[in-house]
C-alpha atoms as a PDB file:
ATOM      1  CA  UNK A   1     -55.614   8.202  26.256  1.00  0.00           C
ATOM      2  CA  UNK A   2     -52.767   5.742  25.913  1.00  0.00           C
ATOM      3  CA  UNK A   3     -49.175   6.685  26.486  1.00  0.00           C
ATOM      4  CA  UNK A   4     -46.921   6.812  23.446  1.00  0.00           C
ATOM      5  CA  UNK A   5     -44.582   3.866  23.262  1.00  0.00           C
ATOM      6  CA  UNK A   6     -40.892   4.853  23.546  1.00  0.00           C
ATOM      7  CA  UNK A   7     -38.507   2.992  21.350  1.00  0.00           C
ATOM      8  CA  UNK A   8     -35.185   3.086  23.313  1.00  0.00           C
ATOM      9  CA  UNK A   9     -33.904  -0.062  21.631  1.00  0.00           C
ATOM     10  CA  UNK A  10     -30.195   0.280  21.098  1.00  0.00           C
ATOM     11  CA  UNK A  11     -28.541  -0.817  17.902  1.00  0.00           C
ATOM     12  CA  UNK A  12     -27.122  -4.317  18.050  1.00  0.00           C
ATOM     13  CA  UNK A  13     -23.572  -4.307  19.370  1.00  0.00           C
ATOM     14  CA  UNK A  14     -20.869  -5.440  17.019  1.00  0.00           C
ATOM     15  CA  UNK A  15     -19.056  -8.559  18.221  1.00  0.00           C
ATOM     16  CA  UNK A  16     -15.494  -8.053  19.394  1.00  0.00           C
ATOM     17  CA  UNK A  17     -14.447 -11.231  17.747  1.00  0.00           C
ATOM     18  CA  UNK A  18     -15.778 -13.193  14.826  1.00  0.00           C
ATOM     19  CA  UNK A  19     -16.941 -16.761  15.558  1.00  0.00           C
ATOM     20  CA  UNK A  20     -13.772 -18.097  13.917  1.00  0.00           C
ATOM     21  CA  UNK A  21     -11.571 -15.900  16.077  1.00  0.00           C
ATOM     22  CA  UNK A  22     -13.530 -16.912  19.194  1.00  0.00           C
ATOM     23  CA  UNK A  23     -12.989 -20.625  18.368  1.00  0.00           C
ATOM     24  CA  UNK A  24      -9.263 -20.096  17.682  1.00  0.00           C
ATOM     25  CA  UNK A  25      -8.824 -18.204  20.977  1.00  0.00           C
ATOM     26  CA  UNK A  26     -10.683 -20.909  22.866  1.00  0.00           C
ATOM     27  CA  UNK A  27      -8.561 -23.679  21.349  1.00  0.00           C
ATOM     28  CA  UNK A  28      -5.338 -21.745  22.053  1.00  0.00           C
ATOM     29  CA  UNK A  29      -6.343 -21.227  25.669  1.00  0.00           C
ATOM     30  CA  UNK A  30      -7.320 -24.870  26.020  1.00  0.00           C
ATOM     31  CA  UNK A  31      -4.043 -26.144  24.614  1.00  0.00           C
ATOM     32  CA  UNK A  32      -1.742 -23.522  26.131  1.00  0.00           C
ATOM     33  CA  UNK A  33      -0.132 -26.008  28.526  1.00  0.00           C
ATOM     34  CA  UNK A  34       0.127 -28.945  26.088  1.00  0.00           C
ATOM     35  CA  UNK A  35       3.874 -28.524  25.631  1.00  0.00           C
ATOM     36  CA  UNK A  36       5.643 -31.852  25.206  1.00  0.00           C
ATOM     37  CA  UNK A  37       8.324 -32.127  27.935  1.00  0.00           C
ATOM     38  CA  UNK A  38      11.847 -32.320  26.530  1.00  0.00           C
ATOM     39  CA  UNK A  39      13.699 -35.099  28.231  1.00  0.00           C
ATOM     40  CA  UNK A  40      17.427 -35.282  27.630  1.00  0.00           C
ATOM     41  CA  UNK A  41      19.779 -37.860  29.048  1.00  0.00           C
END
C-alpha cells in the first residue's frame, strides 16, 4: 500500500509592492543623498 500524498501547498503570497512600486522605492533609496549642495557667497 502506498501512503496518500498530502497537499500542504500554501496559496501564493500576494506581493507587498507591485513591481512598479518596488522600482520606485529602489530608485528613491538610491538617490536619497543626491541633494545638490547650496553654496552661497
